[in-house]
Protein backbone atom coordinates (compact mmCIF):
# COMPACT_ATOMS: atom_id res chain seq x y z
CA MET A 1 192.81 158.37 184.51
CA ILE A 2 196.34 159.03 185.65
CA GLN A 3 197.00 161.37 188.58
CA LEU A 4 200.00 163.43 189.63
CA ARG A 5 203.02 161.32 190.73
CA SER A 6 201.50 158.04 189.48
CA ILE A 7 204.11 155.39 188.65
CA LEU A 8 203.80 154.20 185.04
CA ASP A 9 205.32 151.26 183.17
CA VAL A 10 207.28 151.99 180.00
CA ALA A 11 206.00 150.03 176.98
CA ASP A 12 208.86 150.63 174.53
CA ASN A 13 212.47 149.51 174.08
CA THR A 14 214.34 152.59 175.38
CA GLY A 15 215.58 150.74 178.46
CA ALA A 16 213.56 152.77 180.97
CA LYS A 17 211.31 150.67 183.19
CA LYS A 18 209.34 153.00 185.49
CA ALA A 19 208.38 156.67 185.24
CA ALA A 20 206.43 159.12 187.41
CA PHE A 21 203.73 161.38 185.96
CA ILE A 22 204.47 165.15 186.22
CA CYS A 23 201.81 166.93 184.15
CA VAL A 24 199.79 166.91 180.92
CA LEU A 25 201.05 169.24 178.21
CA GLY A 26 198.59 171.67 176.62
CA LYS A 27 195.74 171.34 179.14
CA LYS A 28 194.52 173.82 181.72
CA ASN A 29 193.92 171.04 184.27
CA CYS A 30 197.32 169.40 183.90
CA PHE A 31 197.08 167.02 186.87
CA ILE A 32 194.85 164.31 185.32
CA GLY A 33 195.76 162.40 182.16
CA LYS A 34 193.91 159.89 179.98
CA ILE A 35 194.81 157.70 177.01
CA GLY A 36 196.33 159.71 174.16
CA ASP A 37 197.50 162.67 176.27
CA VAL A 38 201.06 163.92 175.85
CA ILE A 39 202.67 164.16 179.29
CA ASN A 40 205.94 164.98 181.03
CA VAL A 41 207.44 162.16 183.10
CA ASN A 42 210.40 161.73 185.43
CA ILE A 43 212.33 158.48 184.94
CA LYS A 44 212.45 156.53 188.22
CA GLU A 45 214.05 153.26 187.10
CA SER A 46 216.09 152.29 184.03
CA SER A 47 218.65 149.75 182.92
CA PRO A 48 222.34 150.78 182.89
CA ASP A 49 222.58 150.83 179.08
CA ALA A 50 219.29 152.72 178.56
CA ALA A 51 218.87 155.54 176.06
CA ILE A 52 216.97 157.51 178.72
CA LYS A 53 218.70 157.58 182.10
CA LYS A 54 217.28 157.66 185.62
CA GLY A 55 216.36 161.17 186.80
CA GLU A 56 215.73 162.63 183.33
CA VAL A 57 212.51 164.41 182.37
CA ALA A 58 210.99 163.26 179.08
CA LYS A 59 207.83 163.56 176.99
CA ALA A 60 205.59 160.53 176.60
CA VAL A 61 202.09 159.55 175.51
CA ILE A 62 199.74 157.44 177.65
CA VAL A 63 198.86 154.16 175.89
CA ARG A 64 197.22 152.03 178.62
CA THR A 65 195.28 152.78 181.81
CA LYS A 66 193.67 150.72 184.53
CA ASP A 67 190.63 152.98 184.33
CA ALA A 68 188.02 151.49 181.97
CA ILE A 69 187.39 153.06 178.58
CA ARG A 70 183.85 152.85 177.24
CA ARG A 71 183.59 152.24 173.49
CA SER A 72 180.72 153.41 171.31
CA ASP A 73 179.31 149.87 171.07
CA GLY A 74 178.99 149.75 174.89
CA SER A 75 181.95 147.49 175.63
CA LEU A 76 184.62 148.34 178.21
CA LEU A 77 188.37 148.20 177.62
CA ARG A 78 190.56 147.84 180.71
CA PHE A 79 194.24 146.96 181.25
CA ASP A 80 196.17 145.59 184.24
CA ARG A 81 198.70 148.44 184.45
CA ASN A 82 199.22 152.03 183.35
CA ALA A 83 201.78 152.40 180.54
CA ILE A 84 203.47 155.06 178.41
CA VAL A 85 205.58 155.31 175.25
CA PHE A 86 208.27 157.99 174.88
CA ILE A 87 208.06 160.49 172.02
CA ASP A 88 210.57 162.91 170.46
CA ALA A 89 210.20 166.59 169.49
CA GLN A 90 208.33 165.70 166.26
CA MET A 91 205.82 163.57 168.26
CA ASN A 92 207.22 160.30 166.86
CA PRO A 93 207.58 157.30 169.21
């Protein structure tokens, strides 16, 4: 699970490197996110030629979390870092 103000890695080629979690869109409890949730993020670090600049607010989807995910067969899936992918207005990456 991702909490408010968590720093997330960016897992796409937009040029942004780090982002901070603001809130989950469409949920009553918008301060905790999990894999697959659409969220608002604030860009904290980006390269100079990035499509998304530092300080911008953007929409993204959570693709990896450090918190373990239990599958139906009983196995656990866990990653080293939390990561997001940016999406546009039509929900395309």
